[in-house]
């Protein structure tokens, strides 16, 4: 019910700092992947009434939210970052191989 908060946190950071990244890093790709996942999960959690449009927003207590963020949100965010790293390094490696 709160697993989307972890990629959202990273998305906020990378969106704010996106001008500081070199163009070759394609930080916009990472932002699109993060925010797309956050939107998809937020809609899914809203449909299942795990989040609501009024305070306290999350229907579960902190004792349920933190374990879910650690067990689902963190691995999901790491998987997104790993995919992004692969997407930006594979073309660079292929380009290097073609030069040789």
C-alpha atoms as a PDB file:
ATOM      1  CA  UNK A   1       0.000   0.000   0.000  1.00  0.00           C
ATOM      2  CA  UNK A   2       2.958   2.362   0.209  1.00  0.00           C
ATOM      3  CA  UNK A   3       5.580   0.663  -1.944  1.00  0.00           C
ATOM      4  CA  UNK A   4       5.248   3.459  -4.520  1.00  0.00           C
ATOM      5  CA  UNK A   5       6.662   5.976  -2.031  1.00  0.00           C
ATOM      6  CA  UNK A   6      10.232   4.691  -2.489  1.00  0.00           C
ATOM      7  CA  UNK A   7      10.447   5.216  -6.281  1.00  0.00           C
ATOM      8  CA  UNK A   8       8.529   8.467  -5.795  1.00  0.00           C
ATOM      9  CA  UNK A   9      11.218   9.696  -3.404  1.00  0.00           C
ATOM     10  CA  UNK A  10      13.952   8.901  -5.910  1.00  0.00           C
ATOM     11  CA  UNK A  11      11.836  10.424  -8.685  1.00  0.00           C
ATOM     12  CA  UNK A  12      11.524  13.675  -6.778  1.00  0.00           C
ATOM     13  CA  UNK A  13      15.288  13.814  -6.239  1.00  0.00           C
ATOM     14  CA  UNK A  14      16.231  13.007  -9.856  1.00  0.00           C
ATOM     15  CA  UNK A  15      13.603  15.405 -11.212  1.00  0.00           C
ATOM     16  CA  UNK A  16      14.864  18.276  -9.081  1.00  0.00           C
ATOM     17  CA  UNK A  17      18.526  17.544  -9.906  1.00  0.00           C
ATOM     18  CA  UNK A  18      18.066  16.545 -13.570  1.00  0.00           C
ATOM     19  CA  UNK A  19      19.977  19.572 -14.906  1.00  0.00           C
ATOM     20  CA  UNK A  20      23.080  18.458 -12.979  1.00  0.00           C
ATOM     21  CA  UNK A  21      23.327  15.139 -14.834  1.00  0.00           C
ATOM     22  CA  UNK A  22      25.263  14.891 -18.080  1.00  0.00           C
ATOM     23  CA  UNK A  23      23.158  14.303 -21.210  1.00  0.00           C
ATOM     24  CA  UNK A  24      24.818  10.931 -21.803  1.00  0.00           C
ATOM     25  CA  UNK A  25      23.226   9.645 -18.587  1.00  0.00           C
ATOM     26  CA  UNK A  26      19.722  10.062 -20.030  1.00  0.00           C
ATOM     27  CA  UNK A  27      18.258  10.942 -16.649  1.00  0.00           C
ATOM     28  CA  UNK A  28      14.926  11.675 -18.332  1.00  0.00           C
ATOM     29  CA  UNK A  29      14.632   7.951 -19.112  1.00  0.00           C
ATOM     30  CA  UNK A  30      15.022   7.148 -15.428  1.00  0.00           C
ATOM     31  CA  UNK A  31      12.475   9.797 -14.489  1.00  0.00           C
ATOM     32  CA  UNK A  32       9.937   8.443 -16.973  1.00  0.00           C
ATOM     33  CA  UNK A  33      10.422   4.910 -15.655  1.00  0.00           C
ATOM     34  CA  UNK A  34      10.137   6.013 -12.017  1.00  0.00           C
ATOM     35  CA  UNK A  35       7.132   8.301 -12.435  1.00  0.00           C
ATOM     36  CA  UNK A  36       5.350   5.797 -14.693  1.00  0.00           C
ATOM     37  CA  UNK A  37       5.733   3.107 -12.049  1.00  0.00           C
ATOM     38  CA  UNK A  38       4.606   5.473  -9.300  1.00  0.00           C
ATOM     39  CA  UNK A  39       1.502   6.479 -11.254  1.00  0.00           C
ATOM     40  CA  UNK A  40       0.624   2.878 -12.109  1.00  0.00           C
ATOM     41  CA  UNK A  41       1.007   1.721  -8.499  1.00  0.00           C
ATOM     42  CA  UNK A  42      -0.842   4.711  -7.054  1.00  0.00           C
ATOM     43  CA  UNK A  43      -3.821   4.040  -9.335  1.00  0.00           C
ATOM     44  CA  UNK A  44      -3.767   0.343  -8.410  1.00  0.00           C
ATOM     45  CA  UNK A  45      -3.604   1.101  -4.686  1.00  0.00           C
ATOM     46  CA  UNK A  46      -6.368   3.694  -5.040  1.00  0.00           C
ATOM     47  CA  UNK A  47      -8.561   1.166  -6.874  1.00  0.00           C
ATOM     48  CA  UNK A  48      -8.086  -1.290  -4.003  1.00  0.00           C
ATOM     49  CA  UNK A  49      -8.830   1.464  -1.467  1.00  0.00           C
ATOM     50  CA  UNK A  50      -5.407   1.188   0.133  1.00  0.00           C
ATOM     51  CA  UNK A  51      -4.915   4.921  -0.361  1.00  0.00           C
ATOM     52  CA  UNK A  52      -7.680   7.493  -0.123  1.00  0.00           C
ATOM     53  CA  UNK A  53      -7.957  11.135  -1.290  1.00  0.00           C
ATOM     54  CA  UNK A  54      -8.327  12.475   2.254  1.00  0.00           C
ATOM     55  CA  UNK A  55      -6.068  12.430   5.318  1.00  0.00           C
ATOM     56  CA  UNK A  56      -4.385  10.253   6.507  1.00  0.00           C
ATOM     57  CA  UNK A  57      -4.228   9.060   2.820  1.00  0.00           C
ATOM     58  CA  UNK A  58      -2.833   5.618   3.677  1.00  0.00           C
ATOM     59  CA  UNK A  59      -5.340   3.197   5.142  1.00  0.00           C
ATOM     60  CA  UNK A  60      -2.696   1.197   7.008  1.00  0.00           C
ATOM     61  CA  UNK A  61      -0.586   2.195   9.960  1.00  0.00           C
ATOM     62  CA  UNK A  62       3.139   2.804   9.987  1.00  0.00           C
ATOM     63  CA  UNK A  63       3.761  -0.728  11.307  1.00  0.00           C
ATOM     64  CA  UNK A  64       2.450  -2.092   7.978  1.00  0.00           C
ATOM     65  CA  UNK A  65       3.759   0.654   5.699  1.00  0.00           C
ATOM     66  CA  UNK A  66       7.469   0.520   6.576  1.00  0.00           C
ATOM     67  CA  UNK A  67       7.921  -3.238   6.047  1.00  0.00           C
ATOM     68  CA  UNK A  68       6.184  -2.981   2.666  1.00  0.00           C
ATOM     69  CA  UNK A  69       8.380  -0.071   1.628  1.00  0.00           C
ATOM     70  CA  UNK A  70      11.493  -2.044   2.597  1.00  0.00           C
ATOM     71  CA  UNK A  71      10.458  -5.410   1.165  1.00  0.00           C
ATOM     72  CA  UNK A  72       8.764  -4.245  -2.050  1.00  0.00           C
ATOM     73  CA  UNK A  73       9.531  -0.566  -2.658  1.00  0.00           C
ATOM     74  CA  UNK A  74      13.310  -0.750  -2.290  1.00  0.00           C
ATOM     75  CA  UNK A  75      13.810  -3.850  -4.506  1.00  0.00           C
ATOM     76  CA  UNK A  76      11.424  -2.424  -7.097  1.00  0.00           C
ATOM     77  CA  UNK A  77      13.336   0.866  -7.182  1.00  0.00           C
ATOM     78  CA  UNK A  78      16.663  -0.965  -7.434  1.00  0.00           C
ATOM     79  CA  UNK A  79      15.288  -3.013 -10.346  1.00  0.00           C
ATOM     80  CA  UNK A  80      14.212   0.164 -12.150  1.00  0.00           C
ATOM     81  CA  UNK A  81      17.636   1.736 -11.621  1.00  0.00           C
ATOM     82  CA  UNK A  82      19.375  -1.464 -12.784  1.00  0.00           C
ATOM     83  CA  UNK A  83      17.277  -1.515 -15.961  1.00  0.00           C
ATOM     84  CA  UNK A  84      18.054   2.151 -16.580  1.00  0.00           C
ATOM     85  CA  UNK A  85      21.788   1.493 -16.090  1.00  0.00           C
ATOM     86  CA  UNK A  86      21.572  -1.345 -18.621  1.00  0.00           C
ATOM     87  CA  UNK A  87      19.708   0.883 -21.082  1.00  0.00           C
ATOM     88  CA  UNK A  88      22.375   3.568 -20.968  1.00  0.00           C
ATOM     89  CA  UNK A  89      25.480   1.352 -20.828  1.00  0.00           C
ATOM     90  CA  UNK A  90      24.672  -1.264 -23.481  1.00  0.00           C
ATOM     91  CA  UNK A  91      24.516   1.278 -26.347  1.00  0.00           C
ATOM     92  CA  UNK A  92      27.736   2.901 -25.114  1.00  0.00           C
ATOM     93  CA  UNK A  93      29.518  -0.462 -25.018  1.00  0.00           C
ATOM     94  CA  UNK A  94      28.204  -1.356 -28.478  1.00  0.00           C
ATOM     95  CA  UNK A  95      29.412   1.970 -29.805  1.00  0.00           C
ATOM     96  CA  UNK A  96      32.888   1.273 -28.386  1.00  0.00           C
ATOM     97  CA  UNK A  97      32.927  -2.196 -29.948  1.00  0.00           C
ATOM     98  CA  UNK A  98      32.020  -0.802 -33.366  1.00  0.00           C
ATOM     99  CA  UNK A  99      34.937   1.628 -33.208  1.00  0.00           C
ATOM    100  CA  UNK A 100      37.456  -1.190 -32.782  1.00  0.00           C
END
